[in-house]
Amino acid sequence: MAIRIKRVILSPYTLFILIVLVLPPLLVADPFWLNRLSLYLVFGILALSMCLCWGYCGILSLGHGAFFGIGAYCMAMSLKLLSPDSLAQGTPFPLPDFMVWNTPPGQALKLPLLWVPFQNQWFGLFAALLVPTLFAAIVGWFVFNGGVSGVFISIITLSIVVILNLLLIDQQPLTNGFNGLTNLAVFQIGDWAFDPYSLSTYFLIAGSLVAVLLGLKWLTSTKTGLLLKAIRADEQRVRYFGYDIASYKIFILSISAMVAGFAGALFVVNSQYASPTIMDVGISIAVVVWTAVGGRESLIGAAIGAILINLVQSLLSENENLIQVWQLIVGILFVLVVMFLPEGLAGLVPRVLTVWRKTRNQSISVSSSDGISLPVATGAIKDE
């Protein structure tokens, strides 16, 4: 029993959760950096969605920027309608300020039908989970039942991001175009308002990260999770056993999209805006990089990769001597990790532990040897 408790306490999940929930609030007093750390945790949730999709099922989706952006816009639409600017337009219903500006003179002001349900923030949060899930299920149904695989999945999902980004910019009357949705209301639960720079918002996002992490850990440890790993390793062999591969891929892509949409909603809660820049190729590629650096086959590794990379980027970009080269430095670090740590940072820990155990066993063997000289004992251990 004591050994089991010790394993739980020293498990990577327990240590990660304690660090996320305890250390930043104790060490970070600056509200700006607390807000930044909250943002990095949001990106950690986004990386978890990619880890589930790519690391556990072998689906390299470059469309997660779309799922992330959809979730962000759903949440932002609700908070926009609840903002003081929207409530002070003199109309019997809340109306975003940009819709007033874009309405031709003499034309009656009205809230578009698409926006009507978003007058409740809980509907916005629900839509941030549901819409990306349904969208991913539809895309997955056509892609996987159509026999599309490999790099073509990446191309198709990347094309979807580009199309949605252009639609957001083009639909100025509905989305405010390139300017996006700003001046949003603060997310509230009852009378508790979650100011983006407050400790309460940090704990909200940190708790969400922990919940998503534990939920995905449970999912990947079930029979379904084991089957996903088998599909990644040898899809044809799994198909020969009678499993419907397409259905499992659609399911996992949908769950992954739901997590990405949830991350998008939390992004809006923390950053107070949504624009086409968060639904573009850049964020879709970035999440792949975060996951690869952290370790695509490790949930904790993917989250840590996202948090560390964004933290390093912020620290380097704020250094006056590195303003011109910080992106190059980050790129070099990424190349080095991919070359020397193909399993990501998560693969570094087992390597270090292996070296430490060998060194420890070697020293124990040498110290316990009777009648054997040090060089001979050392050589015997190396031969083993």
Protein backbone atom coordinates (compact mmCIF):
# COMPACT_ATOMS: atom_id res chain seq x y z
CA MET A 1 0.00 0.00 0.00
CA ALA A 2 2.81 2.39 0.90
CA ILE A 3 4.58 1.60 -2.37
CA ARG A 4 1.41 2.32 -4.34
CA ILE A 5 0.91 5.67 -2.57
CA LYS A 6 4.55 6.55 -3.25
CA ARG A 7 4.12 5.76 -6.94
CA VAL A 8 1.03 7.97 -7.14
CA ILE A 9 2.79 10.85 -5.38
CA LEU A 10 5.88 10.58 -7.58
CA SER A 11 4.01 9.94 -10.83
CA PRO A 12 4.59 12.46 -13.64
CA TYR A 13 0.90 13.37 -13.66
CA THR A 14 0.84 14.21 -9.96
CA LEU A 15 4.02 16.28 -10.19
CA PHE A 16 2.78 18.14 -13.26
CA ILE A 17 -0.58 18.92 -11.66
CA LEU A 18 1.06 20.18 -8.46
CA ILE A 19 3.45 22.39 -10.41
CA VAL A 20 0.67 23.88 -12.54
CA LEU A 21 -1.68 24.53 -9.63
CA VAL A 22 0.78 25.59 -6.93
CA LEU A 23 4.01 27.12 -8.23
CA PRO A 24 2.88 29.96 -10.56
CA PRO A 25 0.44 31.54 -8.06
CA LEU A 26 3.19 31.48 -5.42
CA LEU A 27 6.04 32.72 -7.63
CA VAL A 28 4.32 35.11 -10.04
CA ALA A 29 2.99 38.37 -8.61
CA ASP A 30 2.84 40.40 -11.83
CA PRO A 31 -0.73 40.27 -13.27
CA PHE A 32 0.69 40.55 -16.80
CA TRP A 33 2.79 37.42 -16.44
CA LEU A 34 -0.03 35.61 -14.69
CA ASN A 35 -2.15 36.34 -17.76
CA ARG A 36 0.68 35.13 -20.02
CA LEU A 37 1.03 31.88 -18.08
CA SER A 38 -2.72 31.34 -18.33
CA LEU A 39 -2.42 31.74 -22.10
CA TYR A 40 0.37 29.16 -22.22
CA LEU A 41 -1.83 26.71 -20.32
CA VAL A 42 -4.53 27.28 -22.94
CA PHE A 43 -1.99 26.35 -25.60
CA GLY A 44 -1.18 23.31 -23.49
CA ILE A 45 -4.81 22.18 -23.81
CA LEU A 46 -4.61 22.75 -27.57
CA ALA A 47 -1.45 20.61 -27.70
CA LEU A 48 -3.28 17.84 -25.81
CA SER A 49 -5.88 17.76 -28.59
CA MET A 50 -3.13 17.34 -31.18
CA CYS A 51 -1.39 14.67 -29.09
CA LEU A 52 -4.60 12.64 -28.96
CA CYS A 53 -5.14 12.92 -32.70
CA TRP A 54 -1.59 12.60 -33.98
CA GLY A 55 0.30 10.86 -31.21
CA TYR A 56 -2.25 8.18 -30.37
CA CYS A 57 -4.00 7.62 -33.71
CA GLY A 58 -1.45 8.77 -36.26
CA ILE A 59 -3.72 11.43 -37.80
CA LEU A 60 -1.56 14.47 -38.59
CA SER A 61 -4.23 17.15 -38.78
CA LEU A 62 -3.22 20.64 -39.83
CA GLY A 63 -6.76 21.84 -39.25
CA HIS A 64 -6.68 22.30 -35.51
CA GLY A 65 -6.43 26.03 -36.00
CA ALA A 66 -9.94 25.83 -37.46
CA PHE A 67 -11.35 23.95 -34.46
CA PHE A 68 -9.55 26.31 -32.08
CA GLY A 69 -10.85 29.35 -33.95
CA ILE A 70 -14.43 28.09 -34.11
CA GLY A 71 -14.47 27.58 -30.36
CA ALA A 72 -12.98 31.03 -29.84
CA TYR A 73 -15.53 32.76 -32.05
CA CYS A 74 -18.47 30.96 -30.43
CA MET A 75 -17.35 32.15 -27.00
CA ALA A 76 -16.49 35.64 -28.27
CA MET A 77 -19.91 36.09 -29.88
CA SER A 78 -21.62 35.51 -26.54
CA LEU A 79 -19.29 37.78 -24.59
CA LYS A 80 -19.62 40.45 -27.29
CA LEU A 81 -23.40 40.52 -26.91
CA LEU A 82 -23.00 40.81 -23.13
CA SER A 83 -20.53 43.71 -23.35
CA PRO A 84 -21.57 47.23 -22.24
CA ASP A 85 -21.13 48.53 -25.80
CA SER A 86 -23.60 46.01 -27.21
CA LEU A 87 -26.13 46.62 -24.43
CA ALA A 88 -26.02 50.41 -24.87
CA GLN A 89 -27.07 50.69 -28.52
CA GLY A 90 -30.60 51.84 -27.71
CA THR A 91 -32.17 48.75 -29.27
CA PRO A 92 -34.48 46.23 -27.56
CA PHE A 93 -31.77 43.61 -28.07
CA PRO A 94 -27.97 43.72 -27.65
CA LEU A 95 -26.20 44.71 -30.86
CA PRO A 96 -22.43 44.68 -31.50
CA ASP A 97 -21.03 48.11 -32.29
CA PHE A 98 -19.52 47.04 -35.62
CA MET A 99 -22.96 45.97 -36.85
CA VAL A 100 -24.21 49.50 -36.19
CA TRP A 101 -21.32 50.92 -38.20
CA ASN A 102 -21.88 48.48 -41.08
CA THR A 103 -25.64 49.07 -41.31
CA PRO A 104 -26.49 51.40 -44.25
CA PRO A 105 -28.23 54.68 -43.30
CA GLY A 106 -31.99 54.34 -43.10
CA GLN A 107 -31.91 50.55 -42.73
CA ALA A 108 -33.39 49.07 -39.56
CA LEU A 109 -30.95 47.73 -37.00
CA LYS A 110 -31.41 44.04 -36.33
CA LEU A 111 -29.43 41.22 -34.84
CA PRO A 112 -28.58 38.54 -37.44
CA LEU A 113 -30.28 35.20 -36.88
CA LEU A 114 -26.91 33.50 -36.46
CA TRP A 115 -26.16 35.68 -33.44
CA VAL A 116 -29.52 35.37 -31.67
CA PRO A 117 -28.78 32.18 -29.63
CA PHE A 118 -25.47 33.61 -28.42
CA GLN A 119 -27.11 36.10 -26.07
CA ASN A 120 -26.41 33.53 -23.33
CA GLN A 121 -22.75 32.90 -22.49
CA TRP A 122 -23.45 29.27 -21.60
CA PHE A 123 -24.81 28.70 -25.07
CA GLY A 124 -21.57 30.18 -26.40
CA LEU A 125 -19.52 27.77 -24.31
CA PHE A 126 -21.72 24.84 -25.34
CA ALA A 127 -21.41 25.84 -29.00
CA ALA A 128 -17.63 26.11 -28.59
CA LEU A 129 -17.63 22.40 -27.73
CA LEU A 130 -20.39 21.17 -30.05
CA VAL A 131 -19.73 23.02 -33.31
CA PRO A 132 -16.06 21.94 -33.71
CA THR A 133 -17.05 18.39 -32.77
CA LEU A 134 -19.78 18.19 -35.41
CA PHE A 135 -17.62 19.93 -37.99
CA ALA A 136 -14.76 17.48 -37.40
CA ALA A 137 -17.16 14.53 -37.55
CA ILE A 138 -18.47 15.67 -40.94
CA VAL A 139 -14.98 16.26 -42.31
CA GLY A 140 -13.78 12.95 -40.89
CA TRP A 141 -16.72 11.06 -42.39
CA PHE A 142 -15.85 12.21 -45.90
CA VAL A 143 -12.10 11.89 -45.45
CA PHE A 144 -11.82 8.52 -43.73
CA ASN A 145 -14.70 6.79 -45.48
CA GLY A 146 -13.22 8.07 -48.73
CA GLY A 147 -10.00 6.22 -48.03
CA VAL A 148 -7.89 9.36 -47.67
CA SER A 149 -4.76 8.80 -45.62
CA GLY A 150 -1.25 10.03 -44.99
CA VAL A 151 -0.16 13.45 -46.14
CA PHE A 152 -3.44 14.02 -47.99
CA ILE A 153 -5.24 14.35 -44.64
CA SER A 154 -2.84 17.12 -43.70
CA ILE A 155 -3.41 18.88 -47.02
CA ILE A 156 -7.20 18.70 -46.76
CA THR A 157 -7.34 19.91 -43.16
CA LEU A 158 -4.90 22.72 -43.92
CA SER A 159 -7.10 23.80 -46.85
CA ILE A 160 -10.09 23.96 -44.51
CA VAL A 161 -8.21 26.37 -42.24
CA VAL A 162 -7.40 28.65 -45.17
CA ILE A 163 -11.00 28.63 -46.41
CA LEU A 164 -12.48 29.42 -42.99
CA ASN A 165 -9.93 32.17 -42.44
CA LEU A 166 -10.93 33.82 -45.73
CA LEU A 167 -14.63 33.48 -44.85
CA LEU A 168 -14.10 35.23 -41.53
CA ILE A 169 -12.35 38.12 -43.21
CA ASP A 170 -14.89 38.34 -46.04
CA GLN A 171 -18.02 38.31 -43.86
CA GLN A 172 -17.50 41.79 -42.44
CA PRO A 173 -21.17 42.38 -41.42
CA LEU A 174 -21.22 39.16 -39.37
CA THR A 175 -17.68 38.82 -38.03
CA ASN A 176 -16.18 42.33 -38.26
CA GLY A 177 -13.73 40.96 -40.79
CA PHE A 178 -10.03 41.19 -40.09
CA ASN A 179 -10.61 43.30 -36.96
CA GLY A 180 -12.38 40.43 -35.24
CA LEU A 181 -14.42 40.65 -32.05
CA THR A 182 -13.04 42.94 -29.35
CA ASN A 183 -14.29 44.85 -26.29
CA LEU A 184 -15.85 41.71 -24.86
CA ALA A 185 -17.59 41.22 -21.55
CA VAL A 186 -15.79 39.38 -18.76
CA PHE A 187 -16.73 35.72 -18.36
CA GLN A 188 -18.85 35.16 -15.25
CA ILE A 189 -20.06 32.26 -13.16
CA GLY A 190 -22.85 33.61 -11.01
CA ASP A 191 -21.57 36.79 -9.40
CA TRP A 192 -17.94 35.76 -9.85
CA ALA A 193 -16.28 37.66 -12.70
CA PHE A 194 -13.10 36.17 -14.17
CA ASP A 195 -10.89 39.14 -14.91
CA PRO A 196 -8.22 38.06 -17.44
CA TYR A 197 -5.42 39.26 -15.15
CA SER A 198 -6.74 37.73 -11.95
CA LEU A 199 -5.70 34.66 -10.03
CA SER A 200 -9.21 33.24 -10.37
CA THR A 201 -8.87 33.12 -14.17
CA TYR A 202 -5.54 31.36 -13.84
CA PHE A 203 -7.06 28.69 -11.60
CA LEU A 204 -10.03 28.34 -13.98
CA ILE A 205 -7.71 27.62 -16.89
CA ALA A 206 -5.27 25.52 -14.85
CA GLY A 207 -8.15 23.43 -13.51
CA SER A 208 -9.45 23.00 -17.05
CA LEU A 209 -6.03 21.81 -18.21
CA VAL A 210 -5.87 19.28 -15.38
CA ALA A 211 -9.41 18.04 -16.13
CA VAL A 212 -8.67 17.62 -19.85
CA LEU A 213 -5.35 15.91 -19.10
CA LEU A 214 -6.91 13.39 -16.72
CA GLY A 215 -9.86 12.82 -19.04
CA LEU A 216 -7.62 12.06 -22.01
CA LYS A 217 -5.38 9.88 -19.83
CA TRP A 218 -8.43 7.83 -18.91
CA LEU A 219 -9.55 7.63 -22.54
CA THR A 220 -6.17 6.48 -23.80
CA SER A 221 -5.93 3.81 -21.09
CA THR A 222 -9.22 2.18 -22.09
CA LYS A 223 -9.69 -0.49 -24.74
CA THR A 224 -10.42 2.27 -27.23
CA GLY A 225 -7.13 3.96 -26.42
CA LEU A 226 -5.19 0.74 -26.91
CA LEU A 227 -6.96 0.20 -30.22
CA LEU A 228 -5.96 3.70 -31.32
CA LYS A 229 -2.31 2.85 -30.69
CA ALA A 230 -2.75 -0.34 -32.70
CA ILE A 231 -4.25 1.66 -35.58
CA ARG A 232 -1.27 4.00 -35.49
CA ALA A 233 1.18 1.08 -35.50
CA ASP A 234 -0.46 -1.13 -38.16
CA GLU A 235 -3.80 -0.01 -39.54
CA GLN A 236 -4.17 -2.91 -41.98
CA ARG A 237 -3.70 -5.56 -39.31
CA VAL A 238 -6.37 -3.95 -37.12
CA ARG A 239 -8.73 -3.87 -40.10
CA TYR A 240 -8.16 -7.60 -40.66
CA PHE A 241 -9.50 -8.22 -37.15
CA GLY A 242 -12.83 -6.73 -38.23
CA TYR A 243 -12.64 -3.27 -36.68
CA ASP A 244 -14.17 -0.30 -38.48
CA ILE A 245 -11.09 1.89 -38.70
CA ALA A 246 -12.94 4.86 -40.19
CA SER A 247 -15.37 5.04 -37.26
CA TYR A 248 -12.57 5.09 -34.70
CA LYS A 249 -10.71 7.80 -36.61
CA ILE A 250 -13.85 9.91 -36.91
CA PHE A 251 -14.45 9.50 -33.19
CA ILE A 252 -10.94 10.50 -32.17
CA LEU A 253 -10.82 13.45 -34.58
CA SER A 254 -14.14 14.67 -33.15
CA ILE A 255 -12.96 14.39 -29.53
CA SER A 256 -9.74 16.12 -30.47
CA ALA A 257 -11.69 18.94 -32.15
CA MET A 258 -13.89 19.33 -29.07
CA VAL A 259 -10.80 19.76 -26.87
CA ALA A 260 -9.38 22.28 -29.36
CA GLY A 261 -12.68 24.18 -29.35
CA PHE A 262 -12.66 24.24 -25.56
CA ALA A 263 -9.14 25.67 -25.68
CA GLY A 264 -10.41 28.34 -28.07
CA ALA A 265 -13.17 29.32 -25.64
CA LEU A 266 -10.65 29.61 -22.80
CA PHE A 267 -8.41 31.68 -25.06
CA VAL A 268 -11.20 34.25 -25.37
CA VAL A 269 -11.84 34.22 -21.62
CA ASN A 270 -8.15 34.94 -21.07
CA SER A 271 -7.36 37.26 -24.00
CA GLN A 272 -10.69 39.05 -24.49
CA TYR A 273 -10.71 38.93 -28.29
CA ALA A 274 -11.16 36.66 -31.30
CA SER A 275 -9.82 37.45 -34.76
CA PRO A 276 -8.91 35.60 -37.97
CA THR A 277 -5.29 35.48 -36.78
CA ILE A 278 -6.20 32.69 -34.36
CA MET A 279 -7.79 30.65 -37.14
CA ASP A 280 -4.97 30.53 -39.63
CA VAL A 281 -2.15 28.34 -40.89
CA GLY A 282 0.27 29.68 -38.29
CA ILE A 283 -1.54 28.34 -35.23
CA SER A 284 -2.23 25.02 -36.99
CA ILE A 285 1.47 24.47 -37.68
CA ALA A 286 2.55 25.83 -34.30
CA VAL A 287 0.52 23.25 -32.38
CA VAL A 288 2.21 20.48 -34.36
CA VAL A 289 5.61 21.92 -33.43
CA TRP A 290 4.66 22.18 -29.76
CA THR A 291 3.49 18.59 -29.71
CA ALA A 292 6.54 17.28 -31.55
CA VAL A 293 8.96 19.08 -29.24
CA GLY A 294 7.17 17.94 -26.10
CA GLY A 295 6.61 14.40 -27.35
CA ARG A 296 3.63 13.45 -29.47
CA GLU A 297 3.16 10.12 -27.72
CA SER A 298 3.00 11.70 -24.26
CA LEU A 299 0.09 13.81 -23.06
CA ILE A 300 2.18 15.52 -20.40
CA GLY A 301 5.02 15.97 -22.87
CA ALA A 302 2.76 17.70 -25.40
CA ALA A 303 1.40 20.09 -22.76
CA ILE A 304 4.87 20.87 -21.43
CA GLY A 305 6.15 21.43 -24.96
CA ALA A 306 3.45 24.02 -25.65
CA ILE A 307 4.02 25.81 -22.34
CA LEU A 308 7.82 25.86 -22.58
CA ILE A 309 8.04 26.94 -26.22
CA ASN A 310 5.67 29.86 -25.72
CA LEU A 311 7.42 30.85 -22.51
CA VAL A 312 10.82 30.78 -24.22
CA GLN A 313 9.44 32.78 -27.14
CA SER A 314 8.14 35.46 -24.80
CA LEU A 315 11.39 35.69 -22.84
CA LEU A 316 13.54 35.85 -25.97
CA SER A 317 11.33 38.35 -27.78
CA GLU A 318 11.48 40.75 -24.82
CA ASN A 319 15.28 40.74 -24.75
CA GLU A 320 16.54 43.86 -26.54
CA ASN A 321 19.62 42.04 -27.80
CA LEU A 322 17.60 39.18 -29.30
CA ILE A 323 14.70 41.02 -30.93
CA GLN A 324 16.03 40.38 -34.44
CA VAL A 325 17.03 36.74 -33.96
CA TRP A 326 14.70 35.22 -31.36
CA GLN A 327 12.61 33.39 -33.98
CA LEU A 328 15.80 31.93 -35.45
CA ILE A 329 16.86 30.72 -32.00
CA VAL A 330 13.50 29.02 -31.44
CA GLY A 331 13.77 27.39 -34.87
CA ILE A 332 17.26 26.07 -34.12
CA LEU A 333 16.08 24.66 -30.78
CA PHE A 334 13.22 22.89 -32.57
CA VAL A 335 15.59 21.35 -35.14
CA LEU A 336 17.95 20.16 -32.40
CA VAL A 337 15.13 18.51 -30.47
CA VAL A 338 13.81 16.75 -33.58
CA MET A 339 17.30 15.54 -34.54
CA PHE A 340 18.52 14.34 -31.16
CA LEU A 341 15.24 13.69 -29.32
CA PRO A 342 12.85 12.12 -31.84
CA GLU A 343 10.50 11.26 -28.97
CA GLY A 344 10.51 14.88 -27.80
CA LEU A 345 11.33 16.18 -24.36
CA ALA A 346 9.21 13.38 -22.89
CA GLY A 347 11.76 10.91 -24.24
CA LEU A 348 14.58 12.70 -22.43
CA VAL A 349 13.42 11.62 -18.97
CA PRO A 350 13.69 7.84 -19.60
CA ARG A 351 17.13 8.37 -21.12
CA VAL A 352 18.36 10.30 -18.09
CA LEU A 353 16.88 7.70 -15.72
CA THR A 354 18.51 4.88 -17.68
CA VAL A 355 21.93 6.54 -17.51
CA TRP A 356 21.48 7.26 -13.81
CA ARG A 357 20.49 3.65 -13.06
CA LYS A 358 23.45 2.27 -15.02
CA THR A 359 25.83 4.60 -13.21
CA ARG A 360 24.29 3.70 -9.85
CA ASN A 361 24.40 -0.04 -10.52
CA GLN A 362 27.97 0.29 -11.73
CA SER A 363 29.08 2.05 -8.56
CA ILE A 364 27.27 -0.51 -6.40
CA SER A 365 28.89 -3.40 -8.24
CA VAL A 366 32.33 -1.85 -7.93
CA SER A 367 31.96 -1.12 -4.22
CA SER A 368 30.70 -4.63 -3.48
CA SER A 369 33.42 -6.43 -5.45
CA ASP A 370 35.91 -8.37 -3.33
CA GLY A 371 39.25 -9.22 -4.82
CA ILE A 372 38.49 -7.57 -8.16
CA SER A 373 40.34 -4.47 -9.21
CA LEU A 374 38.40 -1.38 -10.22
CA PRO A 375 39.31 -1.47 -13.94
CA VAL A 376 38.28 -5.14 -14.29
CA ALA A 377 34.94 -4.58 -12.55
CA THR A 378 34.22 -1.51 -14.64
CA GLY A 379 35.00 -3.37 -17.85
CA ALA A 380 32.71 -6.25 -16.89
CA ILE A 381 29.82 -3.91 -16.31
CA LYS A 382 30.39 -2.16 -19.64
CA ASP A 383 30.40 -5.48 -21.47
CA GLU A 384 27.02 -6.28 -19.99
